[in-house]
N, C-alpha and C. Protein backbone atom coordinates (compact mmCIF):
# COMPACT_ATOMS: atom_id res chain seq x y z
N UNK A 1 0.85 -1.17 0.00
CA UNK A 1 0.00 0.00 0.00
C UNK A 1 0.89 1.23 0.00
N UNK A 2 0.51 2.27 -0.71
CA UNK A 2 1.31 3.48 -0.80
C UNK A 2 0.53 4.65 -0.22
N UNK A 3 1.16 5.37 0.70
CA UNK A 3 0.58 6.56 1.29
C UNK A 3 1.61 7.67 1.18
N UNK A 4 1.39 8.65 0.32
CA UNK A 4 2.35 9.73 0.15
C UNK A 4 3.68 9.18 -0.32
N UNK A 5 4.73 9.45 0.41
CA UNK A 5 6.05 8.99 0.00
C UNK A 5 6.48 7.73 0.74
N UNK A 6 5.57 7.09 1.43
CA UNK A 6 5.92 5.89 2.19
C UNK A 6 5.15 4.69 1.66
N UNK A 7 5.79 3.54 1.70
CA UNK A 7 5.17 2.30 1.26
C UNK A 7 5.09 1.37 2.46
N UNK A 8 3.91 0.83 2.71
CA UNK A 8 3.73 -0.10 3.80
C UNK A 8 3.39 -1.47 3.21
N UNK A 9 4.09 -2.50 3.64
CA UNK A 9 3.81 -3.84 3.17
C UNK A 9 3.17 -4.62 4.31
N UNK A 10 2.14 -5.37 4.00
CA UNK A 10 1.47 -6.16 5.02
C UNK A 10 1.66 -7.65 4.70
N UNK A 11 2.74 -8.25 5.18
CA UNK A 11 2.94 -9.67 4.91
C UNK A 11 1.97 -10.52 5.72
N UNK A 12 1.91 -11.81 5.41
CA UNK A 12 0.97 -12.73 6.05
C UNK A 12 1.17 -12.78 7.56
N UNK A 13 2.36 -12.48 8.06
CA UNK A 13 2.63 -12.52 9.49
C UNK A 13 2.02 -11.34 10.24
N UNK A 14 1.45 -10.40 9.51
CA UNK A 14 0.83 -9.20 10.05
C UNK A 14 1.85 -8.24 10.65
N UNK A 15 3.14 -8.47 10.40
CA UNK A 15 4.16 -7.50 10.79
C UNK A 15 4.20 -6.42 9.73
N UNK A 16 4.53 -5.23 10.13
CA UNK A 16 4.64 -4.14 9.18
C UNK A 16 6.10 -4.00 8.76
N UNK A 17 6.30 -3.84 7.49
CA UNK A 17 7.62 -3.54 6.96
C UNK A 17 7.54 -2.12 6.42
N UNK A 18 8.49 -1.30 6.80
CA UNK A 18 8.45 0.11 6.46
C UNK A 18 9.54 0.41 5.44
N UNK A 19 9.14 0.93 4.31
CA UNK A 19 10.08 1.32 3.28
C UNK A 19 9.96 2.83 3.08
N UNK A 20 11.07 3.48 2.85
CA UNK A 20 11.06 4.91 2.60
C UNK A 20 11.62 5.16 1.21
N UNK A 21 11.08 6.13 0.51
CA UNK A 21 11.66 6.47 -0.79
C UNK A 21 12.97 7.23 -0.57
N UNK A 22 13.67 7.50 -1.65
CA UNK A 22 14.98 8.14 -1.56
C UNK A 22 14.89 9.50 -0.87
N UNK A 23 13.90 10.32 -1.22
CA UNK A 23 13.77 11.63 -0.57
C UNK A 23 13.59 11.47 0.93
N UNK A 24 12.82 10.47 1.34
CA UNK A 24 12.62 10.21 2.77
C UNK A 24 13.90 9.77 3.46
N UNK A 25 14.68 8.93 2.78
CA UNK A 25 15.96 8.49 3.34
C UNK A 25 16.92 9.66 3.49
N UNK A 26 16.95 10.53 2.49
CA UNK A 26 17.83 11.70 2.54
C UNK A 26 17.41 12.61 3.70
N UNK A 27 16.13 12.87 3.81
CA UNK A 27 15.63 13.74 4.88
C UNK A 27 15.98 13.15 6.25
N UNK A 28 15.78 11.85 6.42
CA UNK A 28 16.09 11.21 7.69
C UNK A 28 17.59 11.28 7.99
N UNK A 29 18.41 11.01 6.98
CA UNK A 29 19.86 11.08 7.15
C UNK A 29 20.30 12.46 7.60
N UNK A 30 19.80 13.49 6.93
CA UNK A 30 20.19 14.86 7.28
C UNK A 30 19.71 15.22 8.68
N UNK A 31 18.45 14.92 8.99
CA UNK A 31 17.89 15.33 10.29
C UNK A 31 18.50 14.58 11.47
N UNK A 32 19.12 13.44 11.24
CA UNK A 32 19.73 12.70 12.35
C UNK A 32 21.17 13.14 12.63
N UNK A 33 21.70 14.06 11.83
CA UNK A 33 23.06 14.55 12.06
C UNK A 33 23.06 15.60 13.16
N UNK A 34 24.13 15.66 13.95
CA UNK A 34 24.23 16.71 14.96
C UNK A 34 24.52 18.06 14.28
N UNK A 35 24.16 19.13 14.95
CA UNK A 35 24.52 20.46 14.45
C UNK A 35 26.01 20.68 14.64
N UNK A 36 26.72 21.40 13.81
CA UNK A 36 26.26 22.15 12.65
C UNK A 36 26.17 21.32 11.37
N UNK A 37 26.54 20.01 11.42
CA UNK A 37 26.50 19.18 10.21
C UNK A 37 25.11 19.15 9.60
N UNK A 38 24.09 19.08 10.44
CA UNK A 38 22.72 19.01 9.93
C UNK A 38 22.40 20.21 9.04
N UNK A 39 22.65 21.41 9.55
CA UNK A 39 22.37 22.63 8.78
C UNK A 39 23.26 22.71 7.54
N UNK A 40 24.53 22.33 7.68
CA UNK A 40 25.45 22.37 6.55
C UNK A 40 25.02 21.38 5.45
N UNK A 41 24.64 20.18 5.83
CA UNK A 41 24.18 19.20 4.84
C UNK A 41 22.90 19.68 4.16
N UNK A 42 21.99 20.25 4.93
CA UNK A 42 20.74 20.77 4.36
C UNK A 42 21.03 21.87 3.35
N UNK A 43 21.97 22.76 3.69
CA UNK A 43 22.33 23.84 2.77
C UNK A 43 23.02 23.29 1.52
N UNK A 44 23.92 22.32 1.68
CA UNK A 44 24.56 21.71 0.51
C UNK A 44 23.53 21.01 -0.38
N UNK A 45 22.60 20.32 0.23
CA UNK A 45 21.53 19.64 -0.52
C UNK A 45 20.75 20.67 -1.34
N UNK A 46 20.42 21.80 -0.72
CA UNK A 46 19.69 22.86 -1.42
C UNK A 46 20.51 23.41 -2.58
N UNK A 47 21.78 23.69 -2.34
CA UNK A 47 22.65 24.25 -3.37
C UNK A 47 22.78 23.29 -4.56
N UNK A 48 23.02 22.03 -4.27
CA UNK A 48 23.19 21.06 -5.36
C UNK A 48 21.90 20.90 -6.15
N UNK A 49 20.76 20.88 -5.48
CA UNK A 49 19.48 20.78 -6.21
C UNK A 49 19.21 22.04 -7.02
N UNK A 50 19.75 23.18 -6.59
CA UNK A 50 19.63 24.40 -7.38
C UNK A 50 20.48 24.29 -8.65
N UNK A 51 21.66 23.72 -8.53
CA UNK A 51 22.55 23.53 -9.68
C UNK A 51 22.03 22.42 -10.59
N UNK A 52 21.44 21.37 -10.01
CA UNK A 52 20.98 20.19 -10.76
C UNK A 52 19.51 19.92 -10.42
N UNK A 53 18.58 20.79 -10.82
CA UNK A 53 17.20 20.70 -10.34
C UNK A 53 16.44 19.42 -10.70
N UNK A 54 16.73 18.79 -11.80
CA UNK A 54 15.95 17.61 -12.17
C UNK A 54 16.80 16.34 -12.16
N UNK A 55 17.83 16.33 -11.34
CA UNK A 55 18.75 15.18 -11.32
C UNK A 55 18.15 13.98 -10.59
N UNK A 56 18.70 12.83 -10.89
CA UNK A 56 18.35 11.62 -10.16
C UNK A 56 18.98 11.72 -8.78
N UNK A 57 18.21 11.37 -7.74
CA UNK A 57 18.73 11.36 -6.37
C UNK A 57 19.07 9.93 -5.96
N UNK A 58 20.13 9.82 -5.19
CA UNK A 58 20.57 8.52 -4.68
C UNK A 58 20.73 8.63 -3.17
N UNK A 59 20.54 7.52 -2.46
CA UNK A 59 20.94 7.44 -1.07
C UNK A 59 21.59 6.08 -0.86
N UNK A 60 22.83 6.10 -0.40
CA UNK A 60 23.55 4.87 -0.10
C UNK A 60 23.78 4.84 1.41
N UNK A 61 23.34 3.75 2.04
CA UNK A 61 23.43 3.67 3.50
C UNK A 61 24.81 3.26 4.00
N UNK A 62 25.75 2.98 3.10
CA UNK A 62 27.11 2.64 3.50
C UNK A 62 27.31 1.16 3.81
N UNK A 63 26.29 0.33 3.52
CA UNK A 63 26.40 -1.10 3.83
C UNK A 63 26.53 -1.91 2.55
N UNK A 64 27.28 -3.00 2.64
CA UNK A 64 27.43 -3.88 1.48
C UNK A 64 26.33 -4.93 1.46
N UNK A 65 26.42 -5.90 0.55
CA UNK A 65 25.37 -6.91 0.39
C UNK A 65 25.24 -7.82 1.61
N UNK A 66 26.27 -7.88 2.45
CA UNK A 66 26.19 -8.66 3.70
C UNK A 66 25.75 -7.80 4.88
N UNK A 67 25.31 -6.57 4.60
CA UNK A 67 24.83 -5.62 5.60
C UNK A 67 25.94 -5.14 6.54
N UNK A 68 27.19 -5.23 6.08
CA UNK A 68 28.33 -4.71 6.84
C UNK A 68 28.58 -3.27 6.42
N UNK A 69 28.88 -2.40 7.38
CA UNK A 69 29.19 -1.01 7.08
C UNK A 69 30.57 -0.94 6.42
N UNK A 70 30.60 -0.38 5.21
CA UNK A 70 31.85 -0.26 4.46
C UNK A 70 32.20 1.20 4.15
N UNK A 71 31.27 2.11 4.36
CA UNK A 71 31.53 3.53 4.13
C UNK A 71 30.51 4.34 4.92
N UNK A 72 30.73 5.65 4.96
CA UNK A 72 29.73 6.53 5.53
C UNK A 72 28.53 6.58 4.59
N UNK A 73 27.31 6.73 5.12
CA UNK A 73 26.17 6.93 4.23
C UNK A 73 26.40 8.18 3.39
N UNK A 74 25.84 8.20 2.17
CA UNK A 74 26.00 9.38 1.33
C UNK A 74 24.82 9.60 0.41
N UNK A 75 24.66 10.88 0.08
CA UNK A 75 23.59 11.33 -0.81
C UNK A 75 24.24 11.59 -2.16
N UNK A 76 23.61 11.10 -3.23
CA UNK A 76 24.15 11.30 -4.56
C UNK A 76 23.18 12.05 -5.46
N UNK A 77 23.76 12.72 -6.46
CA UNK A 77 22.99 13.55 -7.39
C UNK A 77 23.47 13.27 -8.81
N UNK A 78 22.53 13.11 -9.73
CA UNK A 78 22.88 12.93 -11.13
C UNK A 78 23.27 11.50 -11.43
N UNK A 79 23.68 11.28 -12.67
CA UNK A 79 24.08 9.94 -13.12
C UNK A 79 25.39 10.04 -13.88
N UNK A 80 26.28 9.16 -13.56
CA UNK A 80 27.59 9.06 -14.20
C UNK A 80 27.85 7.59 -14.46
N UNK A 81 28.38 7.25 -15.62
CA UNK A 81 28.73 5.86 -15.91
C UNK A 81 30.18 5.63 -15.53
N UNK A 82 30.36 4.77 -14.54
CA UNK A 82 31.71 4.41 -14.09
C UNK A 82 32.19 3.24 -14.94
N UNK A 83 33.39 3.37 -15.48
CA UNK A 83 33.96 2.31 -16.30
C UNK A 83 35.13 1.71 -15.56
N UNK A 84 35.16 0.38 -15.51
CA UNK A 84 36.21 -0.33 -14.79
C UNK A 84 37.25 -0.89 -15.77
N UNK A 85 38.42 -1.22 -15.25
CA UNK A 85 39.52 -1.73 -16.06
C UNK A 85 39.15 -3.02 -16.79
N UNK A 86 38.26 -3.82 -16.20
CA UNK A 86 37.87 -5.09 -16.84
C UNK A 86 36.83 -4.91 -17.94
N UNK A 87 36.48 -3.65 -18.24
CA UNK A 87 35.54 -3.37 -19.31
C UNK A 87 34.10 -3.23 -18.84
N UNK A 88 33.82 -3.60 -17.60
CA UNK A 88 32.46 -3.47 -17.08
C UNK A 88 32.17 -2.01 -16.76
N UNK A 89 30.90 -1.69 -16.72
CA UNK A 89 30.46 -0.32 -16.41
C UNK A 89 29.21 -0.39 -15.55
N UNK A 90 29.00 0.65 -14.75
CA UNK A 90 27.76 0.74 -13.97
C UNK A 90 27.43 2.20 -13.74
N UNK A 91 26.16 2.45 -13.53
CA UNK A 91 25.71 3.81 -13.23
C UNK A 91 25.96 4.10 -11.76
N UNK A 92 26.35 5.33 -11.49
CA UNK A 92 26.57 5.79 -10.13
C UNK A 92 26.28 7.28 -10.11
N UNK A 93 26.24 7.87 -8.95
CA UNK A 93 25.99 9.31 -8.91
C UNK A 93 27.21 10.09 -9.38
N UNK A 94 26.98 11.33 -9.77
CA UNK A 94 28.05 12.20 -10.26
C UNK A 94 28.58 13.11 -9.16
N UNK A 95 27.68 13.65 -8.35
CA UNK A 95 28.03 14.51 -7.23
C UNK A 95 27.49 13.83 -5.97
N UNK A 96 28.28 13.83 -4.90
CA UNK A 96 27.83 13.22 -3.66
C UNK A 96 28.24 14.04 -2.45
N UNK A 97 27.48 13.88 -1.36
CA UNK A 97 27.85 14.50 -0.09
C UNK A 97 27.71 13.47 1.02
N UNK A 98 28.57 13.61 2.03
CA UNK A 98 28.56 12.67 3.13
C UNK A 98 29.11 13.33 4.38
N UNK A 99 28.48 13.04 5.51
CA UNK A 99 29.04 13.46 6.79
C UNK A 99 30.11 12.45 7.18
N UNK A 100 31.19 12.93 7.78
CA UNK A 100 32.22 12.03 8.29
C UNK A 100 32.57 12.46 9.71
N UNK A 101 33.50 11.77 10.34
CA UNK A 101 33.81 12.08 11.75
C UNK A 101 34.24 13.52 11.97
N UNK A 102 34.99 14.07 11.02
CA UNK A 102 35.53 15.42 11.24
C UNK A 102 34.80 16.52 10.47
N UNK A 103 33.82 16.18 9.67
CA UNK A 103 33.12 17.21 8.90
C UNK A 103 32.28 16.65 7.78
N UNK A 104 32.49 17.18 6.58
CA UNK A 104 31.68 16.83 5.40
C UNK A 104 32.60 16.61 4.21
N UNK A 105 32.24 15.64 3.39
CA UNK A 105 32.94 15.40 2.13
C UNK A 105 31.97 15.66 0.98
N UNK A 106 32.47 16.33 -0.06
CA UNK A 106 31.72 16.51 -1.30
C UNK A 106 32.51 15.78 -2.38
N UNK A 107 31.84 14.84 -3.05
CA UNK A 107 32.48 14.04 -4.09
C UNK A 107 32.07 14.56 -5.46
N UNK A 108 33.04 14.74 -6.34
CA UNK A 108 32.79 15.15 -7.72
C UNK A 108 33.43 14.09 -8.59
N UNK A 109 32.61 13.16 -9.07
CA UNK A 109 33.12 11.98 -9.75
C UNK A 109 33.17 12.14 -11.26
N UNK A 110 34.08 11.40 -11.86
CA UNK A 110 34.15 11.34 -13.32
C UNK A 110 35.15 12.26 -13.97
N UNK A 111 35.88 13.04 -13.19
CA UNK A 111 36.90 13.94 -13.77
C UNK A 111 38.13 13.10 -14.08
N UNK A 112 38.53 13.05 -15.35
CA UNK A 112 39.68 12.24 -15.75
C UNK A 112 41.00 12.75 -15.19
N UNK A 113 41.21 14.06 -15.23
CA UNK A 113 42.45 14.65 -14.73
C UNK A 113 42.36 14.75 -13.21
N UNK A 114 43.03 13.85 -12.51
CA UNK A 114 42.93 13.78 -11.05
C UNK A 114 43.65 14.91 -10.32
N UNK A 115 44.29 15.83 -11.06
CA UNK A 115 44.94 16.98 -10.42
C UNK A 115 44.15 18.26 -10.64
N UNK A 116 43.20 18.27 -11.57
CA UNK A 116 42.53 19.52 -11.95
C UNK A 116 41.68 20.12 -10.85
N UNK A 117 41.00 19.32 -10.06
CA UNK A 117 40.15 19.86 -8.99
C UNK A 117 41.00 20.62 -7.97
N UNK A 118 42.10 20.01 -7.53
CA UNK A 118 42.98 20.67 -6.56
C UNK A 118 43.66 21.89 -7.16
N UNK A 119 44.14 21.77 -8.41
CA UNK A 119 44.83 22.91 -9.04
C UNK A 119 43.89 24.09 -9.27
N UNK A 120 42.66 23.80 -9.69
CA UNK A 120 41.72 24.85 -10.05
C UNK A 120 41.05 25.49 -8.83
N UNK A 121 40.75 24.70 -7.79
CA UNK A 121 39.94 25.22 -6.68
C UNK A 121 40.61 25.14 -5.31
N UNK A 122 41.67 24.37 -5.18
CA UNK A 122 42.29 24.11 -3.88
C UNK A 122 42.72 25.35 -3.11
N UNK A 123 43.36 26.29 -3.77
CA UNK A 123 43.87 27.49 -3.08
C UNK A 123 42.77 28.51 -2.80
N UNK A 124 41.68 28.46 -3.56
CA UNK A 124 40.63 29.48 -3.45
C UNK A 124 39.49 29.08 -2.51
N UNK A 125 39.37 27.79 -2.19
CA UNK A 125 38.17 27.31 -1.50
C UNK A 125 38.17 27.59 0.00
N UNK A 126 39.31 27.78 0.60
CA UNK A 126 39.36 28.01 2.04
C UNK A 126 39.95 26.81 2.76
N UNK A 127 39.50 26.60 4.00
CA UNK A 127 40.04 25.52 4.83
C UNK A 127 39.41 24.19 4.43
N UNK A 128 39.98 23.58 3.38
CA UNK A 128 39.47 22.30 2.88
C UNK A 128 40.62 21.50 2.31
N UNK A 129 40.45 20.20 2.31
CA UNK A 129 41.38 19.28 1.66
C UNK A 129 40.75 18.94 0.31
N UNK A 130 41.51 19.13 -0.77
CA UNK A 130 40.98 18.87 -2.11
C UNK A 130 41.85 17.81 -2.78
N UNK A 131 41.22 16.69 -3.15
CA UNK A 131 41.93 15.61 -3.85
C UNK A 131 41.41 15.52 -5.27
N UNK A 132 41.67 14.41 -5.93
CA UNK A 132 41.25 14.22 -7.31
C UNK A 132 39.74 14.23 -7.52
N UNK A 133 38.98 13.87 -6.48
CA UNK A 133 37.52 13.83 -6.62
C UNK A 133 36.78 14.24 -5.35
N UNK A 134 37.48 14.65 -4.30
CA UNK A 134 36.83 14.93 -3.02
C UNK A 134 37.28 16.27 -2.44
N UNK A 135 36.30 17.01 -1.92
CA UNK A 135 36.55 18.25 -1.19
C UNK A 135 36.04 18.01 0.23
N UNK A 136 36.95 18.02 1.19
CA UNK A 136 36.61 17.69 2.57
C UNK A 136 36.88 18.91 3.46
N UNK A 137 35.90 19.24 4.31
CA UNK A 137 36.02 20.40 5.19
C UNK A 137 35.25 20.15 6.46
N UNK A 138 35.53 20.96 7.49
CA UNK A 138 34.87 20.78 8.79
C UNK A 138 33.45 21.33 8.76
N UNK A 139 33.30 22.60 8.39
CA UNK A 139 31.98 23.22 8.31
C UNK A 139 31.93 24.16 7.10
N UNK A 140 30.74 24.48 6.66
CA UNK A 140 30.58 25.39 5.52
C UNK A 140 31.20 26.76 5.79
N UNK A 141 31.19 27.19 7.04
CA UNK A 141 31.75 28.53 7.33
C UNK A 141 33.26 28.57 7.10
N UNK A 142 33.91 27.41 7.00
CA UNK A 142 35.35 27.35 6.75
C UNK A 142 35.74 27.51 5.29
N UNK A 143 34.73 27.44 4.39
CA UNK A 143 35.04 27.47 2.97
C UNK A 143 34.26 28.57 2.24
N UNK A 144 34.69 28.84 1.03
CA UNK A 144 33.98 29.77 0.15
C UNK A 144 32.95 28.94 -0.62
N UNK A 145 31.69 29.13 -0.29
CA UNK A 145 30.61 28.32 -0.88
C UNK A 145 30.51 28.57 -2.39
N UNK A 146 30.77 29.80 -2.83
CA UNK A 146 30.72 30.08 -4.27
C UNK A 146 31.78 29.27 -5.02
N UNK A 147 32.95 29.09 -4.42
CA UNK A 147 34.01 28.29 -5.05
C UNK A 147 33.60 26.81 -5.06
N UNK A 148 32.98 26.34 -3.99
CA UNK A 148 32.49 24.95 -3.96
C UNK A 148 31.46 24.74 -5.07
N UNK A 149 30.53 25.67 -5.21
CA UNK A 149 29.53 25.57 -6.27
C UNK A 149 30.20 25.59 -7.64
N UNK A 150 31.22 26.42 -7.81
CA UNK A 150 31.96 26.46 -9.08
C UNK A 150 32.65 25.12 -9.35
N UNK A 151 33.17 24.48 -8.31
CA UNK A 151 33.82 23.18 -8.47
C UNK A 151 32.80 22.12 -8.89
N UNK A 152 31.61 22.18 -8.33
CA UNK A 152 30.54 21.24 -8.72
C UNK A 152 30.16 21.47 -10.18
N UNK A 153 29.96 22.71 -10.55
CA UNK A 153 29.61 23.04 -11.95
C UNK A 153 30.74 22.60 -12.90
N UNK A 154 31.97 22.80 -12.49
CA UNK A 154 33.13 22.36 -13.28
C UNK A 154 33.07 20.85 -13.50
N UNK A 155 32.82 20.10 -12.43
CA UNK A 155 32.72 18.65 -12.56
C UNK A 155 31.63 18.23 -13.52
N UNK A 156 30.50 18.91 -13.48
CA UNK A 156 29.40 18.60 -14.40
C UNK A 156 29.78 18.92 -15.84
N UNK A 157 30.47 20.05 -16.03
CA UNK A 157 30.85 20.46 -17.39
C UNK A 157 31.87 19.52 -18.03
N UNK A 158 32.91 19.16 -17.26
CA UNK A 158 33.98 18.34 -17.87
C UNK A 158 33.56 16.89 -18.07
N UNK A 159 32.47 16.47 -17.44
CA UNK A 159 32.02 15.10 -17.62
C UNK A 159 30.79 15.00 -18.53
N UNK A 160 30.28 16.13 -18.98
CA UNK A 160 29.13 16.11 -19.89
C UNK A 160 29.55 15.51 -21.22
N UNK A 161 28.70 14.72 -21.76
CA UNK A 161 29.04 14.20 -23.07
C UNK A 161 28.42 12.93 -23.29
């Protein structure tokens, strides 16, 4: 049975199984974070949706097929085809955000030149660590949000095609 954005299943055992859609999972993930991460994640979510208004949304809970935690949960935006050395490919998000122990990570996937993100935005962004695909910072107030948005737009532009 479907009610709004929630799906309720009524198995023969009369137990309720609760499923949430991706928007619900994202909302729950953000609201369960302590401040200031909660407000920062909400603001990043808003900014990315402004940049990518009709993108596909993803939520990964950080667990593998055996239900073991292998990463921090993360929110993804857009679609990018990841190609592996063995010739296989799979769809994955293009932009991602995740809370971590010390702050927040923003992932910009699919950029071939693994030095361009750091060279182009590293010195201008503020107090952040910038690698080939990740911008990591403690809080939004530590960085220049306009530069972060420019880095996201850059990632979208160089991977379009």
